[in-house]
Amino acid sequence: MSSNHRTARRSPRRRIALVGVVAAGSLLLAACGNGDDAEGMDGMDHGSTAAASEKPGKEPGKDADASADFNDADVTFAQGMIPHHQQAIEMSELAGTRASDAEIKKLAEQIEKAQDPEIKTLQGWLKSWGKPTEMDSGMDHSEHGGMGGMMSEQDMKDLAAAKGTKFDRAFAKMMIEHHNGAIKMAEDERKNGKSADAKKMADAIIKGQSAEVAQFEKILDRI
């Protein structure tokens, strides 16, 4: 048998062997690659699952709902400040038809515009906290929850009966006392409260009403 014939017979065997080696190598590489991919996918899956289970900005395992972050001092502040603001608005509404001083009228309008939205905010907080938005109706507001500066029913009747300069002076004196009571309540909230939003409102009340007290005092000096 010639050497060419033997070579021709051996070539198919060599080709088969070579194909087998290549196939085996391909399977090995595929297995390694799949393992690496699986490991990589596992890592991505865990990350996306963790990200999906937590809201942006929320620490894992912690409740990010700000409405749950409050204490009894916050509740007392909100429940007390609502009727306190309501009375200030009632007093300010009287100024529209009874006051004679332009600055008194302007301050009364300023008080209404500032305190009415705060009442709505305070009511919203109490609802989100699952607490009553009103205090016990059978309790004297002036003695409940350390509410200072609240006018009595007779005080309100006397104010409603006054007009002109007499009203201006009575309104200024009563509002100074009323504001000082609110400032004290706000200081208690800032010291003992937990809600960041409530403490922020307390800061605003202290700043705004302190400025108004100083303005009322100047008015009393000139009328």
Protein backbone atom coordinates (compact mmCIF):
# COMPACT_ATOMS: atom_id res chain seq x y z
CA MET A 1 0.00 0.00 0.00
CA SER A 2 1.44 3.35 -0.99
CA SER A 3 2.24 6.04 1.54
CA ASN A 4 -0.32 8.36 -0.08
CA HIS A 5 -3.03 5.82 0.43
CA ARG A 6 -2.11 5.35 4.11
CA THR A 7 -2.13 9.12 4.61
CA ALA A 8 -5.54 9.40 3.02
CA ARG A 9 -6.91 6.70 5.34
CA ARG A 10 -5.51 8.36 8.45
CA SER A 11 -6.74 11.86 7.69
CA PRO A 12 -10.40 11.27 8.63
CA ARG A 13 -9.34 9.86 12.02
CA ARG A 14 -7.19 12.89 12.71
CA ARG A 15 -10.02 15.18 11.73
CA ILE A 16 -12.43 13.34 14.02
CA ALA A 17 -9.98 13.55 16.92
CA LEU A 18 -9.37 17.23 16.31
CA VAL A 19 -13.10 17.96 16.20
CA GLY A 20 -13.52 16.08 19.47
CA VAL A 21 -10.83 18.14 21.18
CA VAL A 22 -12.29 21.41 19.91
CA ALA A 23 -15.79 20.40 21.00
CA ALA A 24 -14.57 19.40 24.45
CA GLY A 25 -12.72 22.69 24.81
CA SER A 26 -15.79 24.62 23.74
CA LEU A 27 -17.94 22.85 26.30
CA LEU A 28 -15.38 23.55 29.02
CA LEU A 29 -15.21 27.24 28.13
CA ALA A 30 -19.00 27.46 27.98
CA ALA A 31 -19.31 25.85 31.40
CA CYS A 32 -16.82 28.28 32.91
CA GLY A 33 -18.45 31.21 31.21
CA ASN A 34 -21.91 30.19 32.39
CA GLY A 35 -20.67 29.86 35.92
CA ASP A 36 -19.15 33.32 35.85
CA ASP A 37 -22.28 34.77 34.27
CA ALA A 38 -24.48 33.07 36.84
CA GLU A 39 -22.37 34.46 39.62
CA GLY A 40 -22.52 37.91 38.07
CA MET A 41 -26.27 37.68 37.59
CA ASP A 42 -26.70 36.54 41.16
CA GLY A 43 -24.88 39.63 42.32
CA MET A 44 -27.03 41.88 40.14
CA ASP A 45 -30.22 40.17 41.23
CA HIS A 46 -29.46 40.66 44.93
CA GLY A 47 -28.63 44.28 44.38
CA SER A 48 -31.78 45.03 42.39
CA THR A 49 -33.95 43.18 44.90
CA ALA A 50 -32.48 45.12 47.78
CA ALA A 51 -32.89 48.37 45.91
CA ALA A 52 -36.48 47.56 45.04
CA SER A 53 -37.34 46.70 48.63
CA GLU A 54 -36.14 50.05 49.93
CA LYS A 55 -37.36 53.48 48.86
CA PRO A 56 -34.76 56.08 47.82
CA GLY A 57 -33.29 57.80 50.83
CA LYS A 58 -34.72 55.25 53.26
CA GLU A 59 -32.40 53.35 55.57
CA PRO A 60 -32.94 49.58 55.40
CA GLY A 61 -35.09 48.31 58.24
CA LYS A 62 -36.23 51.78 59.26
CA ASP A 63 -39.58 53.44 58.74
CA ALA A 64 -39.07 56.51 56.57
CA ASP A 65 -42.60 57.78 57.23
CA ALA A 66 -42.08 61.12 58.98
CA SER A 67 -45.63 61.10 60.31
CA ALA A 68 -44.67 58.29 62.72
CA ASP A 69 -41.88 60.37 64.26
CA PHE A 70 -43.68 62.23 67.06
CA ASN A 71 -44.22 62.17 70.81
CA ASP A 72 -46.75 63.37 73.41
CA ALA A 73 -45.26 66.87 73.46
CA ASP A 74 -45.96 67.20 69.72
CA VAL A 75 -49.57 66.13 70.23
CA THR A 76 -50.04 68.59 73.11
CA PHE A 77 -48.53 71.38 71.02
CA ALA A 78 -50.77 70.69 68.03
CA GLN A 79 -53.97 70.19 70.01
CA GLY A 80 -53.33 73.31 72.08
CA MET A 81 -52.18 75.57 69.27
CA ILE A 82 -55.28 74.94 67.13
CA PRO A 83 -57.80 76.64 69.49
CA HIS A 84 -55.14 79.19 70.42
CA HIS A 85 -54.81 80.21 66.76
CA GLN A 86 -58.56 80.07 66.28
CA GLN A 87 -59.09 82.61 69.05
CA ALA A 88 -56.39 84.89 67.62
CA ILE A 89 -58.20 84.79 64.26
CA GLU A 90 -61.51 85.55 65.97
CA MET A 91 -59.95 88.55 67.66
CA SER A 92 -58.37 89.70 64.42
CA GLU A 93 -61.64 89.48 62.52
CA LEU A 94 -63.15 92.00 64.95
CA ALA A 95 -60.52 94.54 63.93
CA GLY A 96 -61.94 94.75 60.43
CA THR A 97 -65.02 96.68 61.59
CA ARG A 98 -63.92 98.05 64.97
CA ALA A 99 -60.30 99.17 64.74
CA SER A 100 -59.43 102.75 63.80
CA ASP A 101 -55.64 102.46 63.61
CA ALA A 102 -54.26 101.44 60.19
CA GLU A 103 -51.34 99.52 61.71
CA ILE A 104 -53.68 97.57 63.98
CA LYS A 105 -55.78 96.60 60.97
CA LYS A 106 -52.70 95.55 59.02
CA LEU A 107 -51.43 93.42 61.90
CA ALA A 108 -54.84 91.79 62.30
CA GLU A 109 -54.84 90.81 58.62
CA GLN A 110 -51.29 89.51 58.96
CA ILE A 111 -52.29 87.32 61.92
CA GLU A 112 -55.24 85.83 60.02
CA LYS A 113 -53.14 85.03 56.94
CA ALA A 114 -50.38 83.39 58.99
CA GLN A 115 -52.41 81.38 61.48
CA ASP A 116 -55.23 79.98 59.34
CA PRO A 117 -52.87 77.82 57.20
CA GLU A 118 -51.06 76.71 60.37
CA ILE A 119 -54.34 75.45 61.82
CA LYS A 120 -54.87 73.26 58.75
CA THR A 121 -51.31 71.96 59.00
CA LEU A 122 -51.69 71.14 62.70
CA GLN A 123 -54.95 69.31 62.02
CA GLY A 124 -53.28 67.32 59.26
CA TRP A 125 -50.47 66.24 61.58
CA LEU A 126 -52.88 65.06 64.26
CA LYS A 127 -54.86 63.03 61.72
CA SER A 128 -51.68 61.40 60.41
CA TRP A 129 -50.67 60.62 64.00
CA GLY A 130 -54.07 59.05 64.72
CA LYS A 131 -54.83 61.63 67.41
CA PRO A 132 -57.96 63.77 67.99
CA THR A 133 -57.79 67.19 66.35
CA GLU A 134 -59.80 68.78 69.15
CA MET A 135 -59.33 68.89 72.90
CA ASP A 136 -61.97 67.86 75.40
CA SER A 137 -64.78 70.37 74.85
CA GLY A 138 -65.65 70.27 78.54
CA MET A 139 -62.24 71.54 79.60
CA ASP A 140 -61.30 75.20 79.94
CA HIS A 141 -58.84 75.96 77.13
CA SER A 142 -56.92 78.37 79.34
CA GLU A 143 -56.11 75.53 81.74
CA HIS A 144 -55.54 72.75 79.25
CA GLY A 145 -52.12 71.71 78.11
CA GLY A 146 -50.39 74.79 79.51
CA MET A 147 -52.20 77.08 77.06
CA GLY A 148 -51.28 80.57 78.17
CA GLY A 149 -52.72 83.86 76.97
CA MET A 150 -56.17 82.57 76.11
CA MET A 151 -58.91 85.17 76.57
CA SER A 152 -61.97 84.40 78.65
CA GLU A 153 -65.48 84.57 77.22
CA GLN A 154 -65.97 87.91 78.98
CA ASP A 155 -62.71 89.25 77.51
CA MET A 156 -63.98 88.45 74.03
CA LYS A 157 -67.34 90.12 74.72
CA ASP A 158 -65.61 93.26 75.97
CA LEU A 159 -63.38 93.38 72.90
CA ALA A 160 -66.35 92.95 70.56
CA ALA A 161 -68.13 95.83 72.32
CA ALA A 162 -65.22 98.26 71.90
CA LYS A 163 -64.63 100.54 68.90
CA GLY A 164 -62.08 103.06 67.67
CA THR A 165 -59.07 103.83 69.84
CA LYS A 166 -60.58 101.94 72.75
CA PHE A 167 -60.67 98.81 70.60
CA ASP A 168 -57.15 99.44 69.28
CA ARG A 169 -55.68 99.61 72.78
CA ALA A 170 -57.65 96.62 74.06
CA PHE A 171 -56.76 94.57 70.99
CA ALA A 172 -53.05 95.39 71.28
CA LYS A 173 -52.93 94.54 75.00
CA MET A 174 -54.87 91.31 74.59
CA MET A 175 -52.86 90.21 71.57
CA ILE A 176 -49.58 90.80 73.39
CA GLU A 177 -50.77 88.50 76.17
CA HIS A 178 -52.13 86.02 73.64
CA HIS A 179 -48.91 85.97 71.61
CA ASN A 180 -46.76 85.54 74.71
CA GLY A 181 -48.82 82.46 75.59
CA ALA A 182 -48.26 81.02 72.11
CA ILE A 183 -44.53 81.77 72.31
CA LYS A 184 -44.33 79.85 75.61
CA MET A 185 -46.14 76.88 74.05
CA ALA A 186 -43.77 76.99 71.07
CA GLU A 187 -40.74 77.11 73.36
CA ASP A 188 -42.02 74.00 75.17
CA GLU A 189 -42.44 72.24 71.83
CA ARG A 190 -38.97 73.19 70.69
CA LYS A 191 -37.55 71.83 73.95
CA ASN A 192 -39.62 68.66 74.37
CA GLY A 193 -41.06 67.80 70.95
CA LYS A 194 -39.79 65.15 68.57
CA SER A 195 -41.45 65.98 65.23
CA ALA A 196 -39.03 67.97 63.06
CA ASP A 197 -41.94 69.67 61.27
CA ALA A 198 -43.66 70.67 64.51
CA LYS A 199 -40.41 72.02 65.94
CA LYS A 200 -39.89 74.01 62.75
CA MET A 201 -43.35 75.55 63.11
CA ALA A 202 -42.57 76.33 66.74
CA ASP A 203 -39.47 78.23 65.64
CA ALA A 204 -41.55 80.22 63.14
CA ILE A 205 -44.16 81.06 65.79
CA ILE A 206 -41.50 82.28 68.22
CA LYS A 207 -39.86 84.46 65.59
CA GLY A 208 -43.03 85.84 64.00
CA GLN A 209 -45.07 86.48 67.12
CA SER A 210 -42.14 87.96 69.06
CA ALA A 211 -41.80 90.54 66.28
CA GLU A 212 -45.55 91.26 66.44
CA VAL A 213 -45.44 91.69 70.21
CA ALA A 214 -42.72 94.32 69.80
CA GLN A 215 -44.84 96.04 67.16
CA PHE A 216 -47.95 96.06 69.36
CA GLU A 217 -45.93 97.54 72.22
CA LYS A 218 -44.81 100.40 69.98
CA ILE A 219 -48.41 101.00 68.93
CA LEU A 220 -49.49 101.26 72.57
CA ASP A 221 -46.80 103.89 73.14
CA ARG A 222 -48.22 106.16 70.43
CA ILE A 223 -52.01 105.78 70.75
